[in-house]
Amino acid sequence: MPSPAVHRCQCPHGQQAGPHPEQVLHHQMNVWLSRLDEQQRRWSAAIEANRLGHGGEQLVAHITGLDPHTIRRGRQELAVSLPERPTDRGRVPGAGRPRAEKKTR
């Protein structure tokens, strides 16, 4: 199985030509996020944005490539302790792409 693509950090430190300690941390963060499913990625990014405080959503969005709205959604879900999120599957029942063809019997 091929390894998932790892996002390249777009923050100012990640764009520097020379090495910067933050580049290593951001790369590790992106490697880790690339191995998670979509809701785990959203929640992990939200936790990091919460840790950073003011401006955290934008910085985490630059680092991870996630949309700030996705990170905000993760923060909102975590704030209410994930009551509506399934524990045994990646999406809520009925979510996802609809069938290409209708079932006929």
N, C-alpha and C. Protein backbone atom coordinates (compact mmCIF):
# COMPACT_ATOMS: atom_id res chain seq x y z
N MET A 1 0.84 -1.17 0.00
CA MET A 1 0.00 0.00 0.00
C MET A 1 0.89 1.24 0.00
N PRO A 2 0.70 2.17 -0.93
CA PRO A 2 1.55 3.36 -0.98
C PRO A 2 1.27 4.27 0.22
N SER A 3 2.31 4.97 0.65
CA SER A 3 2.13 5.87 1.79
C SER A 3 1.39 7.12 1.32
N PRO A 4 0.56 7.68 2.21
CA PRO A 4 -0.22 8.86 1.83
C PRO A 4 0.69 10.07 1.60
N ALA A 5 0.21 10.98 0.78
CA ALA A 5 0.97 12.20 0.50
C ALA A 5 1.06 13.04 1.76
N VAL A 6 2.23 13.62 1.98
CA VAL A 6 2.46 14.46 3.15
C VAL A 6 2.48 15.91 2.69
N HIS A 7 1.64 16.72 3.32
CA HIS A 7 1.54 18.14 2.97
C HIS A 7 2.84 18.86 3.32
N ARG A 8 3.24 19.79 2.47
CA ARG A 8 4.43 20.61 2.75
C ARG A 8 3.96 21.91 3.39
N CYS A 9 4.53 22.21 4.54
CA CYS A 9 4.16 23.38 5.33
C CYS A 9 4.29 24.67 4.51
N GLN A 10 3.28 25.54 4.62
CA GLN A 10 3.28 26.82 3.91
C GLN A 10 3.47 28.01 4.85
N CYS A 11 3.86 27.74 6.10
CA CYS A 11 4.07 28.85 7.04
C CYS A 11 5.39 29.55 6.70
N PRO A 12 5.63 30.74 7.23
CA PRO A 12 6.87 31.47 6.92
C PRO A 12 8.14 30.68 7.24
N HIS A 13 8.15 29.91 8.34
CA HIS A 13 9.33 29.12 8.68
C HIS A 13 9.55 27.99 7.69
N GLY A 14 8.46 27.42 7.21
CA GLY A 14 8.56 26.32 6.26
C GLY A 14 9.03 26.77 4.89
N GLN A 15 8.89 28.03 4.59
CA GLN A 15 9.28 28.57 3.29
C GLN A 15 10.72 29.08 3.26
N GLN A 16 11.38 29.13 4.41
CA GLN A 16 12.77 29.59 4.45
C GLN A 16 13.67 28.62 3.70
N ALA A 17 14.71 29.17 3.07
CA ALA A 17 15.65 28.32 2.33
C ALA A 17 16.51 27.50 3.28
N GLY A 18 16.96 28.11 4.36
CA GLY A 18 17.81 27.43 5.33
C GLY A 18 17.00 26.62 6.32
N PRO A 19 17.68 25.78 7.08
CA PRO A 19 16.96 24.97 8.07
C PRO A 19 16.45 25.83 9.23
N HIS A 20 15.33 25.44 9.77
CA HIS A 20 14.72 26.12 10.92
C HIS A 20 14.13 25.02 11.81
N PRO A 21 14.27 25.13 13.13
CA PRO A 21 13.75 24.08 14.02
C PRO A 21 12.25 23.80 13.82
N GLU A 22 11.49 24.82 13.47
CA GLU A 22 10.05 24.63 13.26
C GLU A 22 9.75 23.76 12.04
N GLN A 23 10.65 23.77 11.05
CA GLN A 23 10.43 22.96 9.85
C GLN A 23 10.33 21.48 10.19
N VAL A 24 11.19 21.02 11.06
CA VAL A 24 11.19 19.61 11.46
C VAL A 24 9.88 19.28 12.19
N LEU A 25 9.49 20.13 13.12
CA LEU A 25 8.26 19.91 13.87
C LEU A 25 7.05 19.90 12.95
N HIS A 26 6.98 20.84 12.03
CA HIS A 26 5.85 20.92 11.10
C HIS A 26 5.82 19.70 10.18
N HIS A 27 6.98 19.25 9.74
CA HIS A 27 7.02 18.05 8.88
C HIS A 27 6.51 16.84 9.66
N GLN A 28 6.96 16.68 10.90
CA GLN A 28 6.51 15.56 11.72
C GLN A 28 5.00 15.62 11.94
N MET A 29 4.50 16.83 12.16
CA MET A 29 3.07 17.01 12.35
C MET A 29 2.30 16.58 11.10
N ASN A 30 2.79 16.96 9.94
CA ASN A 30 2.12 16.60 8.69
C ASN A 30 2.22 15.11 8.38
N VAL A 31 3.34 14.48 8.73
CA VAL A 31 3.47 13.03 8.55
C VAL A 31 2.43 12.33 9.42
N TRP A 32 2.33 12.76 10.67
CA TRP A 32 1.37 12.16 11.60
C TRP A 32 -0.06 12.35 11.10
N LEU A 33 -0.41 13.58 10.69
CA LEU A 33 -1.77 13.85 10.22
C LEU A 33 -2.10 13.06 8.96
N SER A 34 -1.10 12.78 8.13
CA SER A 34 -1.36 12.04 6.89
C SER A 34 -1.79 10.60 7.16
N ARG A 35 -1.53 10.10 8.35
CA ARG A 35 -1.88 8.72 8.70
C ARG A 35 -3.24 8.61 9.39
N LEU A 36 -3.88 9.74 9.69
CA LEU A 36 -5.16 9.74 10.40
C LEU A 36 -6.32 9.81 9.42
N ASP A 37 -7.51 9.42 9.89
CA ASP A 37 -8.70 9.59 9.05
C ASP A 37 -9.17 11.04 9.16
N GLU A 38 -10.20 11.39 8.40
CA GLU A 38 -10.57 12.81 8.29
C GLU A 38 -11.02 13.43 9.61
N GLN A 39 -11.78 12.70 10.42
CA GLN A 39 -12.23 13.31 11.67
C GLN A 39 -11.09 13.39 12.69
N GLN A 40 -10.21 12.40 12.72
CA GLN A 40 -9.06 12.46 13.62
C GLN A 40 -8.13 13.61 13.23
N ARG A 41 -7.96 13.83 11.94
CA ARG A 41 -7.14 14.94 11.44
C ARG A 41 -7.73 16.27 11.88
N ARG A 42 -9.04 16.40 11.75
CA ARG A 42 -9.74 17.64 12.13
C ARG A 42 -9.59 17.91 13.63
N TRP A 43 -9.76 16.86 14.45
CA TRP A 43 -9.67 17.04 15.90
C TRP A 43 -8.23 17.33 16.35
N SER A 44 -7.27 16.66 15.73
CA SER A 44 -5.87 16.91 16.09
C SER A 44 -5.45 18.33 15.74
N ALA A 45 -5.87 18.79 14.58
CA ALA A 45 -5.57 20.17 14.18
C ALA A 45 -6.26 21.15 15.12
N ALA A 46 -7.48 20.83 15.55
CA ALA A 46 -8.21 21.69 16.48
C ALA A 46 -7.52 21.77 17.83
N ILE A 47 -7.00 20.66 18.32
CA ILE A 47 -6.28 20.66 19.59
C ILE A 47 -5.03 21.54 19.49
N GLU A 48 -4.30 21.42 18.40
CA GLU A 48 -3.11 22.24 18.21
C GLU A 48 -3.48 23.72 18.10
N ALA A 49 -4.56 24.03 17.40
CA ALA A 49 -5.01 25.43 17.29
C ALA A 49 -5.41 25.97 18.66
N ASN A 50 -6.07 25.15 19.46
CA ASN A 50 -6.43 25.57 20.82
C ASN A 50 -5.18 25.83 21.66
N ARG A 51 -4.19 24.98 21.52
CA ARG A 51 -2.95 25.13 22.27
C ARG A 51 -2.23 26.44 21.91
N LEU A 52 -2.28 26.79 20.63
CA LEU A 52 -1.60 28.00 20.16
C LEU A 52 -2.34 29.27 20.55
N GLY A 53 -3.65 29.18 20.74
CA GLY A 53 -4.42 30.36 21.15
C GLY A 53 -4.76 31.25 19.97
N HIS A 54 -4.76 32.57 20.20
CA HIS A 54 -5.16 33.54 19.18
C HIS A 54 -4.31 33.38 17.92
N GLY A 55 -4.97 33.25 16.77
CA GLY A 55 -4.29 33.06 15.50
C GLY A 55 -3.91 31.61 15.22
N GLY A 56 -4.26 30.72 16.14
CA GLY A 56 -3.89 29.32 15.99
C GLY A 56 -4.52 28.64 14.80
N GLU A 57 -5.77 28.97 14.51
CA GLU A 57 -6.45 28.34 13.37
C GLU A 57 -5.72 28.64 12.07
N GLN A 58 -5.36 29.91 11.88
CA GLN A 58 -4.68 30.29 10.64
C GLN A 58 -3.31 29.64 10.53
N LEU A 59 -2.56 29.63 11.64
CA LEU A 59 -1.23 29.03 11.61
C LEU A 59 -1.30 27.54 11.33
N VAL A 60 -2.21 26.84 12.00
CA VAL A 60 -2.36 25.40 11.78
C VAL A 60 -2.84 25.14 10.35
N ALA A 61 -3.67 26.01 9.82
CA ALA A 61 -4.11 25.87 8.43
C ALA A 61 -2.92 25.99 7.47
N HIS A 62 -2.02 26.93 7.73
CA HIS A 62 -0.81 27.07 6.89
C HIS A 62 0.09 25.85 7.02
N ILE A 63 0.22 25.34 8.22
CA ILE A 63 1.11 24.19 8.45
C ILE A 63 0.55 22.93 7.82
N THR A 64 -0.74 22.67 8.00
CA THR A 64 -1.34 21.39 7.61
C THR A 64 -2.02 21.37 6.25
N GLY A 65 -2.39 22.54 5.75
CA GLY A 65 -3.14 22.60 4.50
C GLY A 65 -4.63 22.39 4.69
N LEU A 66 -5.08 22.24 5.94
CA LEU A 66 -6.51 22.10 6.20
C LEU A 66 -7.17 23.47 6.13
N ASP A 67 -8.42 23.50 5.77
CA ASP A 67 -9.18 24.74 5.72
C ASP A 67 -9.45 25.23 7.15
N PRO A 68 -9.34 26.53 7.41
CA PRO A 68 -9.64 27.04 8.75
C PRO A 68 -11.04 26.67 9.23
N HIS A 69 -12.01 26.56 8.31
CA HIS A 69 -13.36 26.18 8.70
C HIS A 69 -13.39 24.73 9.21
N THR A 70 -12.55 23.88 8.64
CA THR A 70 -12.46 22.50 9.09
C THR A 70 -11.89 22.46 10.51
N ILE A 71 -10.89 23.26 10.76
CA ILE A 71 -10.28 23.31 12.09
C ILE A 71 -11.29 23.87 13.09
N ARG A 72 -12.03 24.89 12.69
CA ARG A 72 -13.06 25.48 13.56
C ARG A 72 -14.14 24.44 13.87
N ARG A 73 -14.51 23.65 12.87
CA ARG A 73 -15.51 22.59 13.09
C ARG A 73 -14.99 21.59 14.11
N GLY A 74 -13.72 21.24 14.01
CA GLY A 74 -13.11 20.33 14.97
C GLY A 74 -13.12 20.91 16.38
N ARG A 75 -12.85 22.21 16.49
CA ARG A 75 -12.89 22.87 17.80
C ARG A 75 -14.30 22.83 18.38
N GLN A 76 -15.29 23.06 17.54
CA GLN A 76 -16.68 23.04 18.01
C GLN A 76 -17.08 21.64 18.44
N GLU A 77 -16.68 20.62 17.69
CA GLU A 77 -17.00 19.24 18.05
C GLU A 77 -16.34 18.86 19.38
N LEU A 78 -15.09 19.24 19.55
CA LEU A 78 -14.39 18.92 20.79
C LEU A 78 -14.97 19.69 21.98
N ALA A 79 -15.46 20.90 21.74
CA ALA A 79 -16.01 21.72 22.83
C ALA A 79 -17.23 21.06 23.48
N VAL A 80 -17.98 20.29 22.70
CA VAL A 80 -19.17 19.62 23.25
C VAL A 80 -18.93 18.12 23.47
N SER A 81 -17.67 17.70 23.44
CA SER A 81 -17.26 16.32 23.74
C SER A 81 -17.77 15.27 22.76
N LEU A 82 -17.95 15.63 21.51
CA LEU A 82 -18.24 14.69 20.42
C LEU A 82 -19.47 13.82 20.64
N PRO A 83 -20.60 14.38 21.07
CA PRO A 83 -21.75 13.52 21.37
C PRO A 83 -22.37 12.84 20.16
N GLU A 84 -22.29 13.45 19.00
CA GLU A 84 -22.97 12.92 17.81
C GLU A 84 -22.02 12.17 16.88
N ARG A 85 -20.74 12.06 17.24
CA ARG A 85 -19.78 11.40 16.38
C ARG A 85 -19.75 9.91 16.68
N PRO A 86 -19.79 9.05 15.64
CA PRO A 86 -19.75 7.61 15.87
C PRO A 86 -18.37 7.18 16.36
N THR A 87 -18.35 6.17 17.21
CA THR A 87 -17.07 5.67 17.73
C THR A 87 -16.52 4.52 16.90
N ASP A 88 -17.37 3.88 16.12
CA ASP A 88 -16.96 2.70 15.38
C ASP A 88 -16.82 2.90 13.88
N ARG A 89 -16.97 4.11 13.41
CA ARG A 89 -16.86 4.38 11.97
C ARG A 89 -16.39 5.80 11.74
N GLY A 90 -15.93 6.09 10.50
CA GLY A 90 -15.38 7.39 10.17
C GLY A 90 -16.42 8.47 9.91
N ARG A 91 -17.60 8.07 9.48
CA ARG A 91 -18.64 9.04 9.16
C ARG A 91 -19.95 8.63 9.81
N VAL A 92 -20.82 9.61 9.98
CA VAL A 92 -22.14 9.29 10.53
C VAL A 92 -22.92 8.50 9.48
N PRO A 93 -23.85 7.63 9.90
CA PRO A 93 -24.63 6.86 8.94
C PRO A 93 -25.35 7.77 7.94
N GLY A 94 -25.28 7.41 6.67
CA GLY A 94 -25.92 8.20 5.63
C GLY A 94 -25.05 9.28 5.04
N ALA A 95 -23.88 9.51 5.63
CA ALA A 95 -22.97 10.53 5.10
C ALA A 95 -22.15 9.95 3.96
N GLY A 96 -21.54 10.82 3.22
CA GLY A 96 -20.69 10.37 2.11
C GLY A 96 -21.37 10.55 0.77
N ARG A 97 -20.71 10.07 -0.22
CA ARG A 97 -21.19 10.23 -1.59
C ARG A 97 -22.40 9.32 -1.84
N PRO A 98 -23.43 9.83 -2.54
CA PRO A 98 -24.58 8.99 -2.86
C PRO A 98 -24.20 7.96 -3.93
N ARG A 99 -24.98 6.91 -4.00
CA ARG A 99 -24.75 5.86 -5.00
C ARG A 99 -24.82 6.43 -6.42
N ALA A 100 -23.99 5.90 -7.29
CA ALA A 100 -24.00 6.31 -8.69
C ALA A 100 -25.26 5.78 -9.40
N GLU A 101 -25.67 4.58 -9.01
CA GLU A 101 -26.85 3.96 -9.59
C GLU A 101 -27.81 3.61 -8.48
N LYS A 102 -29.09 3.76 -8.76
CA LYS A 102 -30.11 3.38 -7.78
C LYS A 102 -30.27 1.87 -7.77
N LYS A 103 -30.52 1.36 -6.58
CA LYS A 103 -30.85 -0.06 -6.47
C LYS A 103 -32.25 -0.31 -6.97
N THR A 104 -32.43 -1.32 -7.80
CA THR A 104 -33.77 -1.68 -8.27
C THR A 104 -33.98 -3.15 -7.98
N ARG A 105 -35.17 -3.47 -7.55
CA ARG A 105 -35.48 -4.89 -7.25
C ARG A 105 -36.74 -5.28 -7.95
